[in-house]
Amino acid sequence: MSETAKFISGDKTMDMPVMHGTIGPAVADISKLYGETGMFTFDPGFTSTAACESKITYIDGDEGVLLYRGYPIEQLAEHGDFLETCYLLLNGELPMARQKAEFDYRITRHTMVHEQMARFFSGFRRDAHPMAV
């Protein structure tokens, strides 16, 4: 039987599935809370909210943890390169030497930017914030 958490408010009761990640605390799936109870949650600053499920990234801002596919970002930055990290994100594992060479070759030979995309980006100011872009 699946693990559940129970939400009770007045005469309304709801069983919520409990989800367990590879790392971090368990979470109660409240996605149907409003539909079943007419209530929302209140979590200022999203300090107790898991916003998504990801097989790629784990973030714990309070602890300063950022993992990509289980690897600390510091390790990837110090011992890898951008394309190696891209390979990891796409394939779920770090490449062997031959795989990395093939991936690097494919990326460097097949990365033409369509002219319409170039015009799209030129529409932003040169000092525009990356999040706005």
Protein backbone atom coordinates (compact mmCIF):
# COMPACT_ATOMS: atom_id res chain seq x y z
CA MET A 1 0.00 0.00 0.00
CA SER A 2 1.26 3.50 -0.84
CA GLU A 3 2.15 5.85 1.97
CA THR A 4 -0.25 8.76 2.46
CA ALA A 5 -0.57 11.89 4.58
CA LYS A 6 -3.98 12.96 5.83
CA PHE A 7 -5.26 16.53 5.60
CA ILE A 8 -8.23 17.37 7.83
CA SER A 9 -10.02 20.73 7.91
CA GLY A 10 -13.41 20.85 9.54
CA ASP A 11 -15.49 18.12 7.92
CA LYS A 12 -13.19 17.80 4.89
CA THR A 13 -10.58 15.05 4.79
CA MET A 14 -8.07 14.27 2.09
CA ASP A 15 -5.45 11.56 1.73
CA MET A 16 -2.36 12.86 -0.08
CA PRO A 17 0.26 10.57 -1.62
CA VAL A 18 3.69 10.81 0.02
CA MET A 19 6.60 10.92 -2.40
CA HIS A 20 10.22 10.07 -1.64
CA GLY A 21 13.12 11.44 -3.62
CA THR A 22 16.62 10.10 -3.89
CA ILE A 23 17.77 12.86 -1.54
CA GLY A 24 15.94 15.13 0.87
CA PRO A 25 12.77 14.88 2.91
CA ALA A 26 9.58 13.15 1.87
CA VAL A 27 6.87 15.37 0.40
CA ALA A 28 3.09 15.28 0.47
CA ASP A 29 1.54 15.68 -2.99
CA ILE A 30 -0.97 18.50 -2.53
CA SER A 31 -1.75 18.92 -6.25
CA LYS A 32 -5.41 18.00 -5.70
CA LEU A 33 -5.85 19.94 -2.45
CA TYR A 34 -7.78 22.86 -3.96
CA GLY A 35 -9.95 20.63 -6.13
CA GLU A 36 -10.96 18.39 -3.23
CA THR A 37 -11.09 20.89 -0.34
CA GLY A 38 -11.33 24.35 -1.92
CA MET A 39 -8.24 25.42 0.03
CA PHE A 40 -4.77 26.62 -0.94
CA THR A 41 -1.56 26.36 1.04
CA PHE A 42 0.34 29.38 2.38
CA ASP A 43 4.12 29.08 2.32
CA PRO A 44 5.82 32.51 2.32
CA GLY A 45 9.15 32.30 0.55
CA PHE A 46 8.41 28.72 -0.56
CA THR A 47 10.54 27.41 2.31
CA SER A 48 8.51 24.22 2.60
CA THR A 49 7.56 23.71 -1.02
CA ALA A 50 8.96 21.34 -3.62
CA ALA A 51 8.10 23.05 -6.90
CA CYS A 52 8.78 20.16 -9.25
CA GLU A 53 9.99 16.61 -9.64
CA SER A 54 13.36 16.31 -11.37
CA LYS A 55 15.64 13.47 -12.32
CA ILE A 56 18.29 16.03 -13.30
CA THR A 57 18.66 18.60 -10.53
CA TYR A 58 18.52 18.63 -6.75
CA ILE A 59 18.61 21.99 -4.96
CA ASP A 60 18.73 22.71 -1.24
CA GLY A 61 19.33 26.43 -0.95
CA ASP A 62 19.49 26.45 2.85
CA GLU A 63 22.33 23.92 2.79
CA GLY A 64 23.96 25.35 -0.34
CA VAL A 65 23.53 22.11 -2.30
CA LEU A 66 23.17 21.97 -6.08
CA LEU A 67 23.48 18.57 -7.72
CA TYR A 68 23.26 17.67 -11.39
CA ARG A 69 22.47 13.96 -11.83
CA GLY A 70 23.91 13.41 -8.35
CA TYR A 71 27.18 15.28 -8.93
CA PRO A 72 27.90 18.43 -6.88
CA ILE A 73 28.12 21.50 -9.10
CA GLU A 74 31.49 22.35 -7.54
CA GLN A 75 32.94 19.02 -8.72
CA LEU A 76 31.63 19.54 -12.25
CA ALA A 77 32.97 23.11 -12.36
CA GLU A 78 36.42 22.18 -11.05
CA HIS A 79 37.01 18.90 -12.90
CA GLY A 80 34.83 19.06 -16.00
CA ASP A 81 33.86 21.42 -18.77
CA PHE A 82 30.64 22.80 -20.19
CA LEU A 83 30.13 20.14 -22.86
CA GLU A 84 30.89 17.33 -20.41
CA THR A 85 28.16 18.73 -18.13
CA CYS A 86 25.80 18.97 -21.12
CA TYR A 87 26.46 15.31 -21.90
CA LEU A 88 25.74 14.43 -18.26
CA LEU A 89 22.45 16.31 -18.25
CA LEU A 90 21.32 14.77 -21.54
CA ASN A 91 22.48 11.19 -20.95
CA GLY A 92 22.42 10.74 -17.18
CA GLU A 93 26.08 9.83 -16.84
CA LEU A 94 29.46 11.40 -17.44
CA PRO A 95 31.00 10.49 -20.79
CA MET A 96 33.95 8.18 -21.29
CA ALA A 97 36.84 9.74 -23.28
CA ARG A 98 35.58 8.41 -26.64
CA GLN A 99 32.00 9.50 -25.93
CA LYS A 100 33.20 12.96 -24.94
CA ALA A 101 35.28 13.33 -28.10
CA GLU A 102 32.32 12.29 -30.28
CA PHE A 103 29.93 14.59 -28.42
CA ASP A 104 32.34 17.55 -28.61
CA TYR A 105 32.80 16.95 -32.35
CA ARG A 106 29.05 16.77 -33.01
CA ILE A 107 28.32 19.90 -31.00
CA THR A 108 31.11 22.01 -32.48
CA ARG A 109 30.26 20.97 -36.06
CA HIS A 110 26.46 21.17 -35.82
CA THR A 111 25.56 24.24 -33.80
CA MET A 112 24.47 26.76 -36.38
CA VAL A 113 22.05 29.37 -35.04
CA HIS A 114 19.11 30.07 -37.31
CA GLU A 115 19.01 33.68 -38.49
CA GLN A 116 15.56 34.20 -36.94
CA MET A 117 16.95 33.21 -33.53
CA ALA A 118 19.85 35.62 -33.95
CA ARG A 119 17.37 38.44 -34.72
CA PHE A 120 15.25 37.43 -31.73
CA PHE A 121 18.20 37.80 -29.35
CA SER A 122 19.31 41.07 -30.93
CA GLY A 123 15.94 42.48 -29.86
CA PHE A 124 17.14 42.51 -26.25
CA ARG A 125 19.35 45.27 -24.91
CA ARG A 126 22.99 44.25 -24.58
CA ASP A 127 22.78 44.77 -20.79
CA ALA A 128 19.45 42.95 -20.33
CA HIS A 129 19.28 40.65 -17.31
CA PRO A 130 19.64 36.97 -18.28
CA MET A 131 16.39 36.05 -16.52
CA ALA A 132 14.51 38.61 -18.63
CA VAL A 133 16.08 37.21 -21.78
